[in-house]
Each structure stands twice: as structure tokens, then as C-alpha cells.
């Protein structure tokens, strides 16, 4: 998901607030193609509630 959607998904008030926490509280985007950055829901879920998410589901793709 793009940063705007990822920010809302994580409960951040703005995209800027989300991006400030990327690399510390939130993971780096899984897809980085120029300015295009996309986060996977599984990665964000693991950052938000690690006790409920096991493994890396994206590795199976």
C-alpha cells in the first residue's frame, strides 16, 4: 500500500508522521521503485502487533 494508506492503516494522523517513524517503529517499504514506495500489510501488522503475526507471508509469493 502507498504511504498515504499505510499511514491511515497504522493510525498516524498524517503521511509525514508515518514517514518519520519508518525505519524505527515501522518497516521500510518492501517495494522501492524510484519515488514509488509500497508497504505490505503483513509488515505493518508485524510492527503494530508483533505478538499476533508470525512469519513472513510475503516470502511465499
Protein backbone atom coordinates (compact mmCIF):
# COMPACT_ATOMS: atom_id res chain seq x y z
CA UNK A 1 0.00 0.00 0.00
CA UNK A 2 1.24 3.53 -0.64
CA UNK A 3 2.35 5.77 2.22
CA UNK A 4 -0.99 7.60 2.49
CA UNK A 5 -2.91 4.38 3.01
CA UNK A 6 -0.21 2.86 5.23
CA UNK A 7 -0.32 5.95 7.46
CA UNK A 8 -4.06 5.61 7.95
CA UNK A 9 -3.77 1.85 8.47
CA UNK A 10 -1.23 2.45 11.25
CA UNK A 11 -3.37 5.16 12.84
CA UNK A 12 -0.99 8.00 12.09
CA UNK A 13 -2.58 11.45 11.71
CA UNK A 14 -0.53 12.36 8.62
CA UNK A 15 1.69 10.77 5.99
CA UNK A 16 4.57 12.86 7.30
CA UNK A 17 4.11 11.45 10.81
CA UNK A 18 4.14 7.92 9.38
CA UNK A 19 7.26 8.55 7.29
CA UNK A 20 9.13 9.97 10.30
CA UNK A 21 8.68 6.62 12.05
CA UNK A 22 9.64 4.46 9.07
CA UNK A 23 12.89 2.70 9.87
CA UNK A 24 12.35 2.84 13.62
CA UNK A 25 8.77 1.91 14.55
CA UNK A 26 7.57 0.95 11.07
CA UNK A 27 9.42 -1.10 8.45
CA UNK A 28 10.98 0.22 5.29
CA UNK A 29 8.77 -0.16 2.22
CA UNK A 30 9.00 -3.57 0.59
CA UNK A 31 8.81 -2.04 -2.91
CA UNK A 32 11.03 0.92 -3.79
CA UNK A 33 11.00 1.90 -7.44
CA UNK A 34 12.08 5.50 -7.82
CA UNK A 35 9.58 7.60 -5.91
CA UNK A 36 7.14 4.70 -5.72
CA UNK A 37 7.18 3.11 -2.27
CA UNK A 38 4.81 0.38 -1.15
CA UNK A 39 4.36 -1.31 2.23
CA UNK A 40 2.91 -4.77 2.74
CA UNK A 41 0.10 -5.14 5.23
CA UNK A 42 1.87 -8.11 6.84
CA UNK A 43 4.96 -5.99 7.51
CA UNK A 44 2.87 -3.23 9.09
CA UNK A 45 0.86 -5.74 11.14
CA UNK A 46 4.11 -7.19 12.47
CA UNK A 47 5.23 -3.69 13.54
CA UNK A 48 1.89 -2.81 15.13
CA UNK A 49 1.19 -6.10 16.92
CA UNK A 50 4.15 -8.49 16.66
CA UNK A 51 2.64 -10.95 19.12
CA UNK A 52 -0.21 -11.69 16.68
CA UNK A 53 1.73 -12.04 13.41
CA UNK A 54 4.06 -14.96 12.77
CA UNK A 55 6.47 -15.47 9.89
CA UNK A 56 6.77 -13.63 6.62
CA UNK A 57 3.81 -14.47 4.44
CA UNK A 58 5.22 -12.46 1.52
CA UNK A 59 8.16 -14.86 1.18
CA UNK A 60 5.73 -17.48 -0.15
CA UNK A 61 4.80 -15.27 -3.12
